[in-house]
Amino acid sequence: MAAHSALAKMQKMPDSVLESLRNGKPIEDSRLEALRKLTQSIVQRRGWIEDRDLKSFLLAGYSKAQVLELLVGVAQKTISNYVNHLADTPVDQAFK
């Protein structure tokens, strides 16, 4: 989380959004909140997302293609995490 937070700050993510994400709280921006909820649903439900989360995502202005992009991102991060767990990759000093 430390590394991702540092990268988010470098990308000028608003502190309120970062704090919401770090603490598992709703994001004030409704479009970003729909993205957060769908991402959370994909991860927690292992791809078996709730219809209401998908509908909220699409109603927030995202496309079906972006659902697939989100799924690819979750899959890529999952594989990265698993590899780091197996390799016992240490956290970089800068992110401790």
PDB file of N, CA and C in Angstrom:
ATOM      1  N   MET A   1       0.822  -1.185   0.000  1.00  0.00           N
ATOM      2  CA  MET A   1       0.000   0.000   0.000  1.00  0.00           C
ATOM      3  C   MET A   1       0.875   1.262   0.000  1.00  0.00           C
ATOM      4  N   ALA A   2       2.003   1.169   0.678  1.00  0.00           N
ATOM      5  CA  ALA A   2       2.890   2.331   0.754  1.00  0.00           C
ATOM      6  C   ALA A   2       3.383   2.745  -0.628  1.00  0.00           C
ATOM      7  N   ALA A   3       3.778   1.777  -1.425  1.00  0.00           N
ATOM      8  CA  ALA A   3       4.280   2.082  -2.763  1.00  0.00           C
ATOM      9  C   ALA A   3       3.179   2.674  -3.639  1.00  0.00           C
ATOM     10  N   HIS A   4       2.005   2.094  -3.562  1.00  0.00           N
ATOM     11  CA  HIS A   4       0.898   2.603  -4.372  1.00  0.00           C
ATOM     12  C   HIS A   4       0.490   4.003  -3.923  1.00  0.00           C
ATOM     13  N   SER A   5       0.522   4.251  -2.630  1.00  0.00           N
ATOM     14  CA  SER A   5       0.203   5.591  -2.124  1.00  0.00           C
ATOM     15  C   SER A   5       1.217   6.613  -2.614  1.00  0.00           C
ATOM     16  N   ALA A   6       2.493   6.237  -2.599  1.00  0.00           N
ATOM     17  CA  ALA A   6       3.538   7.146  -3.085  1.00  0.00           C
ATOM     18  C   ALA A   6       3.339   7.446  -4.563  1.00  0.00           C
ATOM     19  N   LEU A   7       3.023   6.418  -5.340  1.00  0.00           N
ATOM     20  CA  LEU A   7       2.772   6.625  -6.769  1.00  0.00           C
ATOM     21  C   LEU A   7       1.530   7.487  -7.000  1.00  0.00           C
ATOM     22  N   ALA A   8       0.504   7.273  -6.200  1.00  0.00           N
ATOM     23  CA  ALA A   8      -0.720   8.073  -6.326  1.00  0.00           C
ATOM     24  C   ALA A   8      -0.427   9.546  -6.046  1.00  0.00           C
ATOM     25  N   LYS A   9       0.378   9.805  -5.032  1.00  0.00           N
ATOM     26  CA  LYS A   9       0.747  11.192  -4.716  1.00  0.00           C
ATOM     27  C   LYS A   9       1.551  11.809  -5.852  1.00  0.00           C
ATOM     28  N   MET A  10       2.430  11.026  -6.474  1.00  0.00           N
ATOM     29  CA  MET A  10       3.212  11.525  -7.609  1.00  0.00           C
ATOM     30  C   MET A  10       2.300  11.884  -8.782  1.00  0.00           C
ATOM     31  N   GLN A  11       1.164  11.198  -8.891  1.00  0.00           N
ATOM     32  CA  GLN A  11       0.205  11.460  -9.963  1.00  0.00           C
ATOM     33  C   GLN A  11      -0.814  12.532  -9.562  1.00  0.00           C
ATOM     34  N   LYS A  12      -0.582  13.160  -8.417  1.00  0.00           N
ATOM     35  CA  LYS A  12      -1.419  14.255  -7.910  1.00  0.00           C
ATOM     36  C   LYS A  12      -2.836  13.805  -7.537  1.00  0.00           C
ATOM     37  N   MET A  13      -2.961  12.561  -7.069  1.00  0.00           N
ATOM     38  CA  MET A  13      -4.255  12.104  -6.588  1.00  0.00           C
ATOM     39  C   MET A  13      -4.629  12.946  -5.371  1.00  0.00           C
ATOM     40  N   PRO A  14      -5.848  13.452  -5.313  1.00  0.00           N
ATOM     41  CA  PRO A  14      -6.262  14.243  -4.149  1.00  0.00           C
ATOM     42  C   PRO A  14      -6.139  13.430  -2.860  1.00  0.00           C
ATOM     43  N   ASP A  15      -5.691  14.101  -1.799  1.00  0.00           N
ATOM     44  CA  ASP A  15      -5.517  13.427  -0.513  1.00  0.00           C
ATOM     45  C   ASP A  15      -6.799  12.763  -0.036  1.00  0.00           C
ATOM     46  N   SER A  16      -7.943  13.401  -0.282  1.00  0.00           N
ATOM     47  CA  SER A  16      -9.215  12.838   0.180  1.00  0.00           C
ATOM     48  C   SER A  16      -9.512  11.504  -0.506  1.00  0.00           C
ATOM     49  N   VAL A  17      -9.183  11.398  -1.783  1.00  0.00           N
ATOM     50  CA  VAL A  17      -9.407  10.141  -2.522  1.00  0.00           C
ATOM     51  C   VAL A  17      -8.455   9.074  -2.002  1.00  0.00           C
ATOM     52  N   LEU A  18      -7.197   9.430  -1.836  1.00  0.00           N
ATOM     53  CA  LEU A  18      -6.206   8.478  -1.339  1.00  0.00           C
ATOM     54  C   LEU A  18      -6.578   7.971   0.053  1.00  0.00           C
ATOM     55  N   GLU A  19      -6.991   8.867   0.924  1.00  0.00           N
ATOM     56  CA  GLU A  19      -7.374   8.462   2.284  1.00  0.00           C
ATOM     57  C   GLU A  19      -8.598   7.544   2.259  1.00  0.00           C
ATOM     58  N   SER A  20      -9.557   7.846   1.398  1.00  0.00           N
ATOM     59  CA  SER A  20     -10.732   6.981   1.273  1.00  0.00           C
ATOM     60  C   SER A  20     -10.325   5.580   0.832  1.00  0.00           C
ATOM     61  N   LEU A  21      -9.451   5.512  -0.160  1.00  0.00           N
ATOM     62  CA  LEU A  21      -9.000   4.212  -0.655  1.00  0.00           C
ATOM     63  C   LEU A  21      -8.212   3.456   0.408  1.00  0.00           C
ATOM     64  N   ARG A  22      -7.331   4.145   1.091  1.00  0.00           N
ATOM     65  CA  ARG A  22      -6.500   3.487   2.108  1.00  0.00           C
ATOM     66  C   ARG A  22      -7.341   2.973   3.276  1.00  0.00           C
ATOM     67  N   ASN A  23      -8.439   3.652   3.560  1.00  0.00           N
ATOM     68  CA  ASN A  23      -9.268   3.295   4.712  1.00  0.00           C
ATOM     69  C   ASN A  23     -10.528   2.527   4.341  1.00  0.00           C
ATOM     70  N   GLY A  24     -10.703   2.195   3.056  1.00  0.00           N
ATOM     71  CA  GLY A  24     -11.875   1.441   2.630  1.00  0.00           C
ATOM     72  C   GLY A  24     -13.176   2.201   2.786  1.00  0.00           C
ATOM     73  N   LYS A  25     -13.099   3.509   2.635  1.00  0.00           N
ATOM     74  CA  LYS A  25     -14.280   4.375   2.790  1.00  0.00           C
ATOM     75  C   LYS A  25     -14.762   4.845   1.421  1.00  0.00           C
ATOM     76  N   PRO A  26     -16.035   5.226   1.319  1.00  0.00           N
ATOM     77  CA  PRO A  26     -16.551   5.750   0.052  1.00  0.00           C
ATOM     78  C   PRO A  26     -15.807   7.012  -0.388  1.00  0.00           C
ATOM     79  N   ILE A  27     -15.689   7.170  -1.699  1.00  0.00           N
ATOM     80  CA  ILE A  27     -15.079   8.359  -2.306  1.00  0.00           C
ATOM     81  C   ILE A  27     -16.192   9.336  -2.626  1.00  0.00           C
ATOM     82  N   GLU A  28     -15.969  10.608  -2.348  1.00  0.00           N
ATOM     83  CA  GLU A  28     -17.006  11.621  -2.588  1.00  0.00           C
ATOM     84  C   GLU A  28     -17.388  11.734  -4.062  1.00  0.00           C
ATOM     85  N   ASP A  29     -16.434  11.634  -4.954  1.00  0.00           N
ATOM     86  CA  ASP A  29     -16.691  11.704  -6.393  1.00  0.00           C
ATOM     87  C   ASP A  29     -17.450  10.436  -6.802  1.00  0.00           C
ATOM     88  N   SER A  30     -18.679  10.591  -7.273  1.00  0.00           N
ATOM     89  CA  SER A  30     -19.537   9.431  -7.551  1.00  0.00           C
ATOM     90  C   SER A  30     -18.974   8.526  -8.649  1.00  0.00           C
ATOM     91  N   ARG A  31     -18.291   9.100  -9.616  1.00  0.00           N
ATOM     92  CA  ARG A  31     -17.722   8.292 -10.695  1.00  0.00           C
ATOM     93  C   ARG A  31     -16.567   7.435 -10.157  1.00  0.00           C
ATOM     94  N   LEU A  32     -15.704   8.038  -9.370  1.00  0.00           N
ATOM     95  CA  LEU A  32     -14.610   7.272  -8.763  1.00  0.00           C
ATOM     96  C   LEU A  32     -15.138   6.251  -7.766  1.00  0.00           C
ATOM     97  N   GLU A  33     -16.208   6.586  -7.074  1.00  0.00           N
ATOM     98  CA  GLU A  33     -16.809   5.644  -6.128  1.00  0.00           C
ATOM     99  C   GLU A  33     -17.352   4.415  -6.851  1.00  0.00           C
ATOM    100  N   ALA A  34     -17.952   4.606  -8.021  1.00  0.00           N
ATOM    101  CA  ALA A  34     -18.439   3.468  -8.806  1.00  0.00           C
ATOM    102  C   ALA A  34     -17.266   2.581  -9.228  1.00  0.00           C
ATOM    103  N   LEU A  35     -16.146   3.183  -9.580  1.00  0.00           N
ATOM    104  CA  LEU A  35     -14.936   2.439  -9.937  1.00  0.00           C
ATOM    105  C   LEU A  35     -14.406   1.672  -8.727  1.00  0.00           C
ATOM    106  N   ARG A  36     -14.360   2.321  -7.578  1.00  0.00           N
ATOM    107  CA  ARG A  36     -13.896   1.666  -6.350  1.00  0.00           C
ATOM    108  C   ARG A  36     -14.777   0.476  -5.991  1.00  0.00           C
ATOM    109  N   LYS A  37     -16.093   0.676  -6.059  1.00  0.00           N
ATOM    110  CA  LYS A  37     -17.019  -0.388  -5.681  1.00  0.00           C
ATOM    111  C   LYS A  37     -16.940  -1.588  -6.622  1.00  0.00           C
ATOM    112  N   LEU A  38     -16.821  -1.317  -7.931  1.00  0.00           N
ATOM    113  CA  LEU A  38     -16.740  -2.434  -8.865  1.00  0.00           C
ATOM    114  C   LEU A  38     -15.418  -3.182  -8.681  1.00  0.00           C
ATOM    115  N   THR A  39     -14.340  -2.448  -8.469  1.00  0.00           N
ATOM    116  CA  THR A  39     -13.048  -3.090  -8.216  1.00  0.00           C
ATOM    117  C   THR A  39     -13.133  -3.958  -6.970  1.00  0.00           C
ATOM    118  N   GLN A  40     -13.692  -3.420  -5.913  1.00  0.00           N
ATOM    119  CA  GLN A  40     -13.837  -4.168  -4.669  1.00  0.00           C
ATOM    120  C   GLN A  40     -14.696  -5.415  -4.889  1.00  0.00           C
ATOM    121  N   SER A  41     -15.764  -5.270  -5.650  1.00  0.00           N
ATOM    122  CA  SER A  41     -16.642  -6.404  -5.924  1.00  0.00           C
ATOM    123  C   SER A  41     -15.902  -7.493  -6.700  1.00  0.00           C
ATOM    124  N   ILE A  42     -15.127  -7.095  -7.704  1.00  0.00           N
ATOM    125  CA  ILE A  42     -14.373  -8.074  -8.498  1.00  0.00           C
ATOM    126  C   ILE A  42     -13.402  -8.842  -7.605  1.00  0.00           C
ATOM    127  N   VAL A  43     -12.696  -8.124  -6.746  1.00  0.00           N
ATOM    128  CA  VAL A  43     -11.692  -8.770  -5.890  1.00  0.00           C
ATOM    129  C   VAL A  43     -12.363  -9.652  -4.842  1.00  0.00           C
ATOM    130  N   GLN A  44     -13.313  -9.108  -4.121  1.00  0.00           N
ATOM    131  CA  GLN A  44     -13.934  -9.856  -3.026  1.00  0.00           C
ATOM    132  C   GLN A  44     -14.749 -11.041  -3.505  1.00  0.00           C
ATOM    133  N   ARG A  45     -15.404 -10.881  -4.646  1.00  0.00           N
ATOM    134  CA  ARG A  45     -16.286 -11.939  -5.134  1.00  0.00           C
ATOM    135  C   ARG A  45     -15.633 -12.783  -6.226  1.00  0.00           C
ATOM    136  N   ARG A  46     -14.333 -12.556  -6.427  1.00  0.00           N
ATOM    137  CA  ARG A  46     -13.540 -13.327  -7.388  1.00  0.00           C
ATOM    138  C   ARG A  46     -14.174 -13.355  -8.774  1.00  0.00           C
ATOM    139  N   GLY A  47     -14.624 -12.177  -9.196  1.00  0.00           N
ATOM    140  CA  GLY A  47     -15.171 -12.038 -10.539  1.00  0.00           C
ATOM    141  C   GLY A  47     -16.680 -12.185 -10.641  1.00  0.00           C
ATOM    142  N   TRP A  48     -17.314 -12.700  -9.608  1.00  0.00           N
ATOM    143  CA  TRP A  48     -18.777 -12.859  -9.616  1.00  0.00           C
ATOM    144  C   TRP A  48     -19.396 -11.566  -9.088  1.00  0.00           C
ATOM    145  N   ILE A  49     -19.379 -10.529  -9.916  1.00  0.00           N
ATOM    146  CA  ILE A  49     -19.803  -9.210  -9.458  1.00  0.00           C
ATOM    147  C   ILE A  49     -21.321  -9.107  -9.350  1.00  0.00           C
ATOM    148  N   GLU A  50     -21.733  -8.219  -8.489  1.00  0.00           N
ATOM    149  CA  GLU A  50     -23.160  -7.941  -8.301  1.00  0.00           C
ATOM    150  C   GLU A  50     -23.669  -7.112  -9.479  1.00  0.00           C
ATOM    151  N   ASP A  51     -24.878  -7.399  -9.931  1.00  0.00           N
ATOM    152  CA  ASP A  51     -25.475  -6.639 -11.031  1.00  0.00           C
ATOM    153  C   ASP A  51     -25.554  -5.153 -10.694  1.00  0.00           C
ATOM    154  N   ARG A  52     -25.878  -4.840  -9.437  1.00  0.00           N
ATOM    155  CA  ARG A  52     -26.020  -3.425  -9.061  1.00  0.00           C
ATOM    156  C   ARG A  52     -24.694  -2.684  -9.173  1.00  0.00           C
ATOM    157  N   ASP A  53     -23.577  -3.355  -8.871  1.00  0.00           N
ATOM    158  CA  ASP A  53     -22.269  -2.710  -8.991  1.00  0.00           C
ATOM    159  C   ASP A  53     -21.921  -2.470 -10.455  1.00  0.00           C
ATOM    160  N   LEU A  54     -22.213  -3.441 -11.309  1.00  0.00           N
ATOM    161  CA  LEU A  54     -21.972  -3.266 -12.740  1.00  0.00           C
ATOM    162  C   LEU A  54     -22.844  -2.145 -13.289  1.00  0.00           C
ATOM    163  N   LYS A  55     -24.111  -2.130 -12.931  1.00  0.00           N
ATOM    164  CA  LYS A  55     -25.017  -1.078 -13.402  1.00  0.00           C
ATOM    165  C   LYS A  55     -24.572   0.290 -12.929  1.00  0.00           C
ATOM    166  N   SER A  56     -24.158   0.391 -11.683  1.00  0.00           N
ATOM    167  CA  SER A  56     -23.674   1.670 -11.145  1.00  0.00           C
ATOM    168  C   SER A  56     -22.446   2.138 -11.912  1.00  0.00           C
ATOM    169  N   PHE A  57     -21.556   1.214 -12.238  1.00  0.00           N
ATOM    170  CA  PHE A  57     -20.341   1.519 -12.988  1.00  0.00           C
ATOM    171  C   PHE A  57     -20.703   2.072 -14.368  1.00  0.00           C
ATOM    172  N   LEU A  58     -21.604   1.394 -15.050  1.00  0.00           N
ATOM    173  CA  LEU A  58     -22.007   1.832 -16.384  1.00  0.00           C
ATOM    174  C   LEU A  58     -22.782   3.150 -16.333  1.00  0.00           C
ATOM    175  N   LEU A  59     -23.651   3.308 -15.343  1.00  0.00           N
ATOM    176  CA  LEU A  59     -24.400   4.563 -15.196  1.00  0.00           C
ATOM    177  C   LEU A  59     -23.504   5.740 -14.833  1.00  0.00           C
ATOM    178  N   ALA A  60     -22.342   5.460 -14.256  1.00  0.00           N
ATOM    179  CA  ALA A  60     -21.393   6.515 -13.894  1.00  0.00           C
ATOM    180  C   ALA A  60     -20.636   7.024 -15.122  1.00  0.00           C
ATOM    181  N   GLY A  61     -20.878   6.403 -16.273  1.00  0.00           N
ATOM    182  CA  GLY A  61     -20.257   6.888 -17.505  1.00  0.00           C
ATOM    183  C   GLY A  61     -19.144   6.002 -18.042  1.00  0.00           C
ATOM    184  N   TYR A  62     -18.910   4.879 -17.401  1.00  0.00           N
ATOM    185  CA  TYR A  62     -17.901   3.948 -17.899  1.00  0.00           C
ATOM    186  C   TYR A  62     -18.527   3.039 -18.949  1.00  0.00           C
ATOM    187  N   SER A  63     -17.678   2.383 -19.730  1.00  0.00           N
ATOM    188  CA  SER A  63     -18.167   1.497 -20.791  1.00  0.00           C
ATOM    189  C   SER A  63     -17.939   0.033 -20.419  1.00  0.00           C
ATOM    190  N   LYS A  64     -18.553  -0.861 -21.188  1.00  0.00           N
ATOM    191  CA  LYS A  64     -18.326  -2.288 -20.975  1.00  0.00           C
ATOM    192  C   LYS A  64     -16.873  -2.649 -21.248  1.00  0.00           C
ATOM    193  N   ALA A  65     -16.254  -1.961 -22.202  1.00  0.00           N
ATOM    194  CA  ALA A  65     -14.833  -2.201 -22.479  1.00  0.00           C
ATOM    195  C   ALA A  65     -13.992  -1.845 -21.254  1.00  0.00           C
ATOM    196  N   GLN A  66     -14.395  -0.833 -20.517  1.00  0.00           N
ATOM    197  CA  GLN A  66     -13.644  -0.442 -19.324  1.00  0.00           C
ATOM    198  C   GLN A  66     -13.818  -1.455 -18.191  1.00  0.00           C
ATOM    199  N   VAL A  67     -14.910  -2.202 -18.198  1.00  0.00           N
ATOM    200  CA  VAL A  67     -15.061  -3.296 -17.236  1.00  0.00           C
ATOM    201  C   VAL A  67     -13.960  -4.317 -17.492  1.00  0.00           C
ATOM    202  N   LEU A  68     -13.721  -4.628 -18.767  1.00  0.00           N
ATOM    203  CA  LEU A  68     -12.671  -5.587 -19.109  1.00  0.00           C
ATOM    204  C   LEU A  68     -11.288  -5.038 -18.767  1.00  0.00           C
ATOM    205  N   GLU A  69     -11.075  -3.737 -18.983  1.00  0.00           N
ATOM    206  CA  GLU A  69      -9.803  -3.117 -18.612  1.00  0.00           C
ATOM    207  C   GLU A  69      -9.569  -3.237 -17.107  1.00  0.00           C
ATOM    208  N   LEU A  70     -10.614  -3.018 -16.346  1.00  0.00           N
ATOM    209  CA  LEU A  70     -10.521  -3.129 -14.895  1.00  0.00           C
ATOM    210  C   LEU A  70     -10.190  -4.570 -14.497  1.00  0.00           C
ATOM    211  N   LEU A  71     -10.832  -5.515 -15.127  1.00  0.00           N
ATOM    212  CA  LEU A  71     -10.577  -6.928 -14.853  1.00  0.00           C
ATOM    213  C   LEU A  71      -9.127  -7.291 -15.159  1.00  0.00           C
ATOM    214  N   VAL A  72      -8.593  -6.790 -16.262  1.00  0.00           N
ATOM    215  CA  VAL A  72      -7.191  -7.040 -16.612  1.00  0.00           C
ATOM    216  C   VAL A  72      -6.268  -6.447 -15.544  1.00  0.00           C
ATOM    217  N   GLY A  73      -6.577  -5.249 -15.072  1.00  0.00           N
ATOM    218  CA  GLY A  73      -5.775  -4.621 -14.024  1.00  0.00           C
ATOM    219  C   GLY A  73      -5.786  -5.431 -12.735  1.00  0.00           C
ATOM    220  N   VAL A  74      -6.945  -5.920 -12.346  1.00  0.00           N
ATOM    221  CA  VAL A  74      -7.053  -6.743 -11.131  1.00  0.00           C
ATOM    222  C   VAL A  74      -6.263  -8.039 -11.321  1.00  0.00           C
ATOM    223  N   ALA A  75      -6.378  -8.646 -12.478  1.00  0.00           N
ATOM    224  CA  ALA A  75      -5.656  -9.897 -12.747  1.00  0.00           C
ATOM    225  C   ALA A  75      -4.146  -9.672 -12.719  1.00  0.00           C
ATOM    226  N   GLN A  76      -3.704  -8.596 -13.334  1.00  0.00           N
ATOM    227  CA  GLN A  76      -2.275  -8.289 -13.361  1.00  0.00           C
ATOM    228  C   GLN A  76      -1.740  -8.051 -11.948  1.00  0.00           C
ATOM    229  N   LYS A  77      -2.476  -7.318 -11.143  1.00  0.00           N
ATOM    230  CA  LYS A  77      -2.040  -7.045  -9.775  1.00  0.00           C
ATOM    231  C   LYS A  77      -2.051  -8.313  -8.934  1.00  0.00           C
ATOM    232  N   THR A  78      -3.039  -9.165  -9.137  1.00  0.00           N
ATOM    233  CA  THR A  78      -3.103 -10.423  -8.404  1.00  0.00           C
ATOM    234  C   THR A  78      -1.885 -11.291  -8.714  1.00  0.00           C
ATOM    235  N   ILE A  79      -1.560 -11.420  -9.983  1.00  0.00           N
ATOM    236  CA  ILE A  79      -0.390 -12.215 -10.380  1.00  0.00           C
ATOM    237  C   ILE A  79       0.879 -11.608  -9.789  1.00  0.00           C
ATOM    238  N   SER A  80       1.018 -10.299  -9.855  1.00  0.00           N
ATOM    239  CA  SER A  80       2.184  -9.624  -9.293  1.00  0.00           C
ATOM    240  C   SER A  80       2.309  -9.893  -7.796  1.00  0.00           C
ATOM    241  N   ASN A  81       1.203  -9.788  -7.081  1.00  0.00           N
ATOM    242  CA  ASN A  81       1.223 -10.052  -5.634  1.00  0.00           C
ATOM    243  C   ASN A  81       1.625 -11.489  -5.346  1.00  0.00           C
ATOM    244  N   TYR A  82       1.073 -12.431  -6.086  1.00  0.00           N
ATOM    245  CA  TYR A  82       1.380 -13.841  -5.847  1.00  0.00           C
ATOM    246  C   TYR A  82       2.855 -14.131  -6.108  1.00  0.00           C
ATOM    247  N   VAL A  83       3.395 -13.568  -7.178  1.00  0.00           N
ATOM    248  CA  VAL A  83       4.812 -13.758  -7.479  1.00  0.00           C
ATOM    249  C   VAL A  83       5.668 -13.181  -6.356  1.00  0.00           C
ATOM    250  N   ASN A  84       5.325 -11.988  -5.885  1.00  0.00           N
ATOM    251  CA  ASN A  84       6.090 -11.378  -4.791  1.00  0.00           C
ATOM    252  C   ASN A  84       5.980 -12.188  -3.508  1.00  0.00           C
ATOM    253  N   HIS A  85       4.835 -12.792  -3.255  1.00  0.00           N
ATOM    254  CA  HIS A  85       4.689 -13.643  -2.078  1.00  0.00           C
ATOM    255  C   HIS A  85       5.570 -14.881  -2.193  1.00  0.00           C
ATOM    256  N   LEU A  86       5.541 -15.519  -3.344  1.00  0.00           N
ATOM    257  CA  LEU A  86       6.344 -16.725  -3.556  1.00  0.00           C
ATOM    258  C   LEU A  86       7.840 -16.421  -3.518  1.00  0.00           C
ATOM    259  N   ALA A  87       8.214 -15.271  -4.060  1.00  0.00           N
ATOM    260  CA  ALA A  87       9.634 -14.898  -4.118  1.00  0.00           C
ATOM    261  C   ALA A  87      10.097 -14.228  -2.825  1.00  0.00           C
ATOM    262  N   ASP A  88       9.160 -13.970  -1.928  1.00  0.00           N
ATOM    263  CA  ASP A  88       9.471 -13.279  -0.673  1.00  0.00           C
ATOM    264  C   ASP A  88      10.196 -11.960  -0.949  1.00  0.00           C
ATOM    265  N   THR A  89       9.653 -11.211  -1.896  1.00  0.00           N
ATOM    266  CA  THR A  89      10.247  -9.935  -2.309  1.00  0.00           C
ATOM    267  C   THR A  89      10.173  -8.929  -1.165  1.00  0.00           C
ATOM    268  N   PRO A  90      11.311  -8.364  -0.777  1.00  0.00           N
ATOM    269  CA  PRO A  90      11.285  -7.368   0.303  1.00  0.00           C
ATOM    270  C   PRO A  90      10.703  -6.037  -0.193  1.00  0.00           C
ATOM    271  N   VAL A  91      10.107  -5.303   0.729  1.00  0.00           N
ATOM    272  CA  VAL A  91       9.601  -3.969   0.396  1.00  0.00           C
ATOM    273  C   VAL A  91      10.794  -3.043   0.229  1.00  0.00           C
ATOM    274  N   ASP A  92      10.795  -2.249  -0.836  1.00  0.00           N
ATOM    275  CA  ASP A  92      11.867  -1.288  -1.050  1.00  0.00           C
ATOM    276  C   ASP A  92      11.975  -0.353   0.144  1.00  0.00           C
ATOM    277  N   GLN A  93      13.192   0.001   0.498  1.00  0.00           N
ATOM    278  CA  GLN A  93      13.436   0.876   1.637  1.00  0.00           C
ATOM    279  C   GLN A  93      12.634   2.183   1.534  1.00  0.00           C
ATOM    280  N   ALA A  94      12.514   2.709   0.341  1.00  0.00           N
ATOM    281  CA  ALA A  94      11.809   3.983   0.135  1.00  0.00           C
ATOM    282  C   ALA A  94      10.336   3.880   0.512  1.00  0.00           C
ATOM    283  N   PHE A  95       9.769   2.675   0.503  1.00  0.00           N
ATOM    284  CA  PHE A  95       8.341   2.507   0.765  1.00  0.00           C
ATOM    285  C   PHE A  95       8.022   1.924   2.135  1.00  0.00           C
ATOM    286  N   LYS A  96       9.039   1.703   2.950  1.00  0.00           N
ATOM    287  CA  LYS A  96       8.805   1.149   4.292  1.00  0.00           C
ATOM    288  C   LYS A  96       8.205   2.185   5.207  1.00  0.00           C
TER     289      LYS A  96
END
